[in-house]
Amino acid sequence: MAGRVEGKVAFITGAARGQGRSHALALAREGADIIAVDIAESIPGMDRYYPGATGEDLDETVAQVEALDRRIVAAKADVRDFGALRDALGRGVAELGHVDVVSANAGVFQFGDKTEDVSDEDWDTVNDINAKGVWHTAKAAIPFLKEQGTGGSIVLTSSTAGIMGTPNVAAYTASKHAVVGIMKTLALELAPFSIRVNSVHPTGVNTPMIKNEATYRLFMPDDPHPTAEQAAPIFQATNALPVPWVEPGDVSNAVLFLASDESRYVTGLQLKVDAGYTLK
């Protein structure tokens, strides 16, 4: 079924690489134009786990969307900075005419410390990006969606950590549970305007967020340089289906469904793309 979001404009945060780029391309292939935002730099404190996206990454997202013959307006902005985020969206709407789909995807992963050992700085960084940043994204988009009067779809990226407890991942788990609370509240507030709000909950996804030595060492602490091949069986053991992780496109398929009119009466849903992780 082609053209599932034909004529729509999608606002995507964390769009420079990984899931965000995948969402942009999936929606563009099905007819949407894109407003893409990313901080496009490493975040102090989080870069000890994995490097952040770059300006070159964001440029590559632009090039790949344009190669699909869709329009894209891209900007560097930090989801923690509401003014910058609102301005980036405003510029995109001014150029593309409207916004119909919101993918609040930007997030960071901090892990490895017992809850009592997490620093205030790490806690604040993770929750400011993963929870406040999601709120900022919705807050920036909602006035446009309401004024247009044509409904819309907001998709918030949570995690299996937004459903289950996760040892040694307290800040991230708290932030992803907060996303669910934001989603459920907005779903009720925005239903009278035909604006649907849902969340997606992936297991580990094949992106730099988990495909890095620091994450592998969670499971192999005595190996100074563990590899993806060594880590794969351990990751697979956490899922019910026999896969170590899912691909970004698997999550994008869920986002596409929630963005399209196929899900026109779906709101307040926690859609798991978790290979059965939360069943174990």
Protein backbone atom coordinates (compact mmCIF):
# COMPACT_ATOMS: atom_id res chain seq x y z
CA MET A 1 0.00 0.00 0.00
CA ALA A 2 1.81 3.11 -1.24
CA GLY A 3 1.24 6.69 -0.17
CA ARG A 4 0.12 5.88 3.36
CA VAL A 5 1.03 9.39 4.58
CA GLU A 6 0.78 11.18 1.24
CA GLY A 7 0.51 14.95 1.64
CA LYS A 8 1.42 14.93 5.33
CA VAL A 9 4.33 16.73 6.98
CA ALA A 10 6.19 14.94 9.79
CA PHE A 11 8.21 16.66 12.51
CA ILE A 12 10.93 14.31 13.79
CA THR A 13 13.45 14.91 16.58
CA GLY A 14 16.71 13.01 16.81
CA ALA A 15 16.57 12.72 13.03
CA ALA A 16 20.29 12.73 12.22
CA ARG A 17 20.79 8.97 12.46
CA GLY A 18 19.46 5.74 13.92
CA GLN A 19 15.75 5.47 14.54
CA GLY A 20 15.11 9.12 13.73
CA ARG A 21 16.63 8.87 10.27
CA SER A 22 14.83 5.59 9.70
CA HIS A 23 11.49 7.19 10.66
CA ALA A 24 12.16 10.09 8.30
CA LEU A 25 12.90 7.77 5.41
CA ALA A 26 9.95 5.46 6.11
CA LEU A 27 7.52 8.38 6.19
CA ALA A 28 9.12 10.02 3.14
CA ARG A 29 8.81 6.80 1.14
CA GLU A 30 5.10 6.85 1.89
CA GLY A 31 4.63 10.45 0.74
CA ALA A 32 5.42 12.72 3.70
CA ASP A 33 7.63 15.78 3.74
CA ILE A 34 9.91 16.09 6.74
CA ILE A 35 10.90 18.63 9.37
CA ALA A 36 14.06 17.15 10.88
CA VAL A 37 15.70 18.30 14.09
CA ASP A 38 18.79 17.03 15.90
CA ILE A 39 21.31 18.49 18.32
CA ALA A 40 23.94 17.02 15.97
CA GLU A 41 26.72 16.97 18.53
CA SER A 42 27.92 14.86 21.42
CA ILE A 43 26.31 15.61 24.77
CA PRO A 44 28.66 16.17 27.71
CA GLY A 45 28.46 13.26 30.11
CA MET A 46 26.73 10.97 27.63
CA ASP A 47 29.67 10.81 25.22
CA ARG A 48 31.49 8.44 27.57
CA TYR A 49 28.94 5.82 26.57
CA TYR A 50 28.72 6.47 22.83
CA PRO A 51 29.37 9.44 20.53
CA GLY A 52 26.56 11.75 19.55
CA ALA A 53 25.32 12.42 16.05
CA THR A 54 27.08 15.00 13.92
CA GLY A 55 26.17 17.71 11.45
CA GLU A 56 27.32 15.36 8.71
CA ASP A 57 24.85 12.78 9.94
CA LEU A 58 22.02 15.30 9.70
CA ASP A 59 23.17 16.29 6.21
CA GLU A 60 23.02 12.63 5.22
CA THR A 61 19.44 12.36 6.43
CA VAL A 62 18.60 15.39 4.28
CA ALA A 63 20.29 13.84 1.25
CA GLN A 64 18.51 10.52 1.67
CA VAL A 65 15.08 12.14 2.05
CA GLU A 66 15.67 14.35 -0.98
CA ALA A 67 16.75 11.27 -2.95
CA LEU A 68 13.20 10.01 -2.37
CA ASP A 69 11.93 13.19 -4.06
CA ARG A 70 10.46 14.57 -0.85
CA ARG A 71 11.02 17.96 0.73
CA ILE A 72 12.86 18.31 4.01
CA VAL A 73 13.66 21.23 6.29
CA ALA A 74 16.42 20.39 8.76
CA ALA A 75 17.75 22.31 11.74
CA LYS A 76 20.16 21.83 14.59
CA ALA A 77 18.29 22.26 17.86
CA ASP A 78 18.42 20.80 21.35
CA VAL A 79 15.11 19.41 22.59
CA ARG A 80 15.97 20.81 26.03
CA ASP A 81 15.77 24.32 24.52
CA PHE A 82 12.08 24.90 23.93
CA GLY A 83 12.58 28.20 22.11
CA ALA A 84 15.03 26.70 19.63
CA LEU A 85 12.78 23.70 19.06
CA ARG A 86 9.68 25.85 18.55
CA ASP A 87 11.58 28.10 16.12
CA ALA A 88 12.86 25.13 14.12
CA LEU A 89 9.35 23.74 13.82
CA GLY A 90 8.00 27.17 12.91
CA ARG A 91 10.50 27.52 10.09
CA GLY A 92 9.57 24.10 8.81
CA VAL A 93 5.85 24.82 8.89
CA ALA A 94 6.41 28.17 7.16
CA GLU A 95 8.19 26.39 4.30
CA LEU A 96 6.13 23.21 4.07
CA GLY A 97 2.74 24.66 4.99
CA HIS A 98 1.60 22.52 7.92
CA VAL A 99 2.51 19.71 10.29
CA ASP A 100 0.47 16.55 10.72
CA VAL A 101 2.72 13.96 12.34
CA VAL A 102 5.06 14.38 15.30
CA SER A 103 7.73 11.81 16.18
CA ALA A 104 9.28 12.74 19.53
CA ASN A 105 12.22 10.40 19.07
CA ALA A 106 15.30 12.17 20.46
CA GLY A 107 16.80 10.41 23.46
CA VAL A 108 19.95 9.32 25.26
CA PHE A 109 20.91 6.15 27.14
CA GLN A 110 22.80 6.22 30.45
CA PHE A 111 23.52 2.92 32.12
CA GLY A 112 25.73 0.84 34.37
CA ASP A 113 25.41 2.56 37.74
CA LYS A 114 23.40 1.32 40.68
CA THR A 115 20.55 3.71 41.36
CA GLU A 116 22.21 5.17 44.44
CA ASP A 117 25.38 5.84 42.44
CA VAL A 118 23.81 7.79 39.56
CA SER A 119 25.04 11.39 39.65
CA ASP A 120 22.64 14.31 39.76
CA GLU A 121 24.18 15.52 36.51
CA ASP A 122 23.51 12.26 34.68
CA TRP A 123 19.98 12.03 36.10
CA ASP A 124 19.18 15.56 34.96
CA THR A 125 20.70 15.12 31.49
CA VAL A 126 18.81 11.91 30.79
CA ASN A 127 15.47 13.14 32.11
CA ASP A 128 15.80 16.59 30.55
CA ILE A 129 16.30 15.03 27.12
CA ASN A 130 14.14 11.93 27.31
CA ALA A 131 11.18 13.30 29.27
CA LYS A 132 11.30 17.10 29.17
CA GLY A 133 12.45 16.97 25.53
CA VAL A 134 9.41 14.86 24.62
CA TRP A 135 7.17 17.33 26.44
CA HIS A 136 8.87 20.23 24.65
CA THR A 137 8.35 18.51 21.29
CA ALA A 138 4.65 18.04 21.91
CA LYS A 139 4.33 21.52 23.42
CA ALA A 140 5.85 23.08 20.30
CA ALA A 141 3.64 21.12 17.90
CA ILE A 142 0.26 21.18 19.63
CA PRO A 143 -0.59 24.84 18.86
CA PHE A 144 0.01 24.20 15.15
CA LEU A 145 -2.07 21.02 15.19
CA LYS A 146 -4.94 22.69 17.02
CA GLU A 147 -4.94 25.78 14.81
CA GLN A 148 -4.99 23.69 11.64
CA GLY A 149 -8.09 21.87 12.86
CA THR A 150 -7.36 18.74 10.84
CA GLY A 151 -6.33 16.39 13.62
CA GLY A 152 -2.95 14.74 13.68
CA SER A 153 -0.78 12.03 15.18
CA ILE A 154 1.87 12.35 17.88
CA VAL A 155 4.13 9.35 18.43
CA LEU A 156 6.38 9.35 21.49
CA THR A 157 9.39 7.05 21.63
CA SER A 158 9.53 5.20 24.93
CA SER A 159 11.18 1.80 25.45
CA THR A 160 10.71 -1.57 27.06
CA ALA A 161 12.23 0.37 29.98
CA GLY A 162 9.01 2.38 29.95
CA ILE A 163 7.10 -0.81 30.78
CA MET A 164 9.47 -2.80 32.99
CA GLY A 165 12.04 -2.08 35.64
CA THR A 166 15.62 -2.22 34.39
CA PRO A 167 18.45 -2.79 36.87
CA ASN A 168 21.37 -0.36 36.70
CA VAL A 169 19.46 1.89 34.28
CA ALA A 170 17.48 4.04 36.73
CA ALA A 171 17.57 7.44 35.04
CA TYR A 172 16.68 6.05 31.63
CA THR A 173 13.93 3.82 33.05
CA ALA A 174 12.43 6.73 34.96
CA SER A 175 12.49 8.92 31.86
CA LYS A 176 10.84 6.31 29.66
CA HIS A 177 8.10 5.67 32.21
CA ALA A 178 7.54 9.44 32.24
CA VAL A 179 7.01 9.34 28.49
CA VAL A 180 4.08 6.97 29.03
CA GLY A 181 2.51 9.38 31.50
CA ILE A 182 2.90 12.24 29.05
CA MET A 183 1.38 10.11 26.28
CA LYS A 184 -1.67 9.05 28.26
CA THR A 185 -2.35 12.57 29.47
CA LEU A 186 -2.01 14.12 26.01
CA ALA A 187 -4.18 11.39 24.48
CA LEU A 188 -7.03 12.48 26.74
CA GLU A 189 -6.42 16.22 26.38
CA LEU A 190 -6.11 16.15 22.60
CA ALA A 191 -8.80 13.62 21.68
CA PRO A 192 -11.47 16.35 21.27
CA PHE A 193 -9.27 17.83 18.54
CA SER A 194 -8.87 14.47 16.74
CA ILE A 195 -5.18 14.49 17.63
CA ARG A 196 -4.06 10.99 18.50
CA VAL A 197 -1.15 10.31 20.86
CA ASN A 198 0.60 6.95 21.19
CA SER A 199 3.95 5.57 22.28
CA VAL A 200 6.31 2.96 20.80
CA HIS A 201 8.34 0.64 23.00
CA PRO A 202 11.32 -1.02 21.31
CA THR A 203 13.64 -3.60 22.74
CA GLY A 204 17.31 -3.05 21.88
CA VAL A 205 17.62 -1.53 18.41
CA ASN A 206 20.57 -1.92 16.05
CA THR A 207 21.84 1.66 16.42
CA PRO A 208 24.91 3.26 18.05
CA MET A 209 22.92 3.67 21.28
CA ILE A 210 23.37 -0.02 22.10
CA LYS A 211 25.92 -1.15 19.49
CA ASN A 212 28.97 0.07 21.40
CA GLU A 213 31.62 -1.32 23.74
CA ALA A 214 30.21 0.42 26.80
CA THR A 215 26.87 -1.37 26.42
CA TYR A 216 28.52 -4.71 25.71
CA ARG A 217 30.56 -4.36 28.91
CA LEU A 218 27.31 -4.28 30.89
CA PHE A 219 27.14 -7.99 30.12
CA MET A 220 30.87 -8.71 29.85
CA PRO A 221 32.51 -6.48 32.46
CA ASP A 222 35.79 -8.40 32.48
CA ASP A 223 36.40 -7.95 28.75
CA PRO A 224 37.98 -4.54 27.96
CA HIS A 225 36.92 -4.70 24.30
CA PRO A 226 33.84 -6.88 23.85
CA THR A 227 32.42 -7.19 20.36
CA ALA A 228 28.93 -7.22 18.90
CA GLU A 229 29.40 -10.87 17.98
CA GLN A 230 30.17 -11.75 21.60
CA ALA A 231 27.27 -9.66 22.89
CA ALA A 232 24.63 -10.93 20.45
CA PRO A 233 23.80 -14.20 22.26
CA ILE A 234 23.44 -12.36 25.56
CA PHE A 235 21.13 -9.75 24.04
CA GLN A 236 19.15 -12.53 22.36
CA ALA A 237 18.59 -14.22 25.70
CA THR A 238 16.65 -11.15 26.88
CA ASN A 239 14.12 -11.45 24.04
CA ALA A 240 11.49 -14.15 23.53
CA LEU A 241 11.98 -14.23 19.77
CA PRO A 242 15.40 -15.55 18.68
CA VAL A 243 16.94 -12.20 17.75
CA PRO A 244 19.46 -10.08 19.67
CA TRP A 245 17.97 -6.77 18.61
CA VAL A 246 15.50 -5.31 16.13
CA GLU A 247 16.31 -3.04 13.22
CA PRO A 248 15.42 0.68 13.11
CA GLY A 249 13.04 -0.07 10.27
CA ASP A 250 11.02 -2.39 12.50
CA VAL A 251 10.31 0.54 14.82
CA SER A 252 9.68 2.82 11.84
CA ASN A 253 6.97 0.46 10.61
CA ALA A 254 5.17 0.97 13.92
CA VAL A 255 5.61 4.75 13.71
CA LEU A 256 4.31 4.71 10.13
CA PHE A 257 1.20 2.80 11.16
CA LEU A 258 0.50 5.24 14.01
CA ALA A 259 1.14 8.20 11.70
CA SER A 260 -1.20 6.94 9.00
CA ASP A 261 -4.97 7.01 8.78
CA GLU A 262 -4.93 3.23 9.20
CA SER A 263 -4.74 3.94 12.93
CA ARG A 264 -7.29 6.75 12.87
CA TYR A 265 -9.06 5.45 15.98
CA VAL A 266 -5.94 4.34 17.85
CA THR A 267 -4.92 6.60 20.71
CA GLY A 268 -3.37 6.03 24.12
CA LEU A 269 -1.66 2.85 22.89
CA GLN A 270 1.69 1.51 24.09
CA LEU A 271 2.84 -0.30 20.94
CA LYS A 272 5.62 -2.77 21.72
CA VAL A 273 8.25 -3.63 19.11
CA ASP A 274 10.13 -5.72 21.60
CA ALA A 275 10.63 -9.25 20.23
CA GLY A 276 8.82 -10.45 23.33
CA TYR A 277 11.26 -8.78 25.77
CA THR A 278 8.51 -7.65 28.15
CA LEU A 279 7.02 -11.16 28.31
CA LYS A 280 10.09 -12.61 30.04
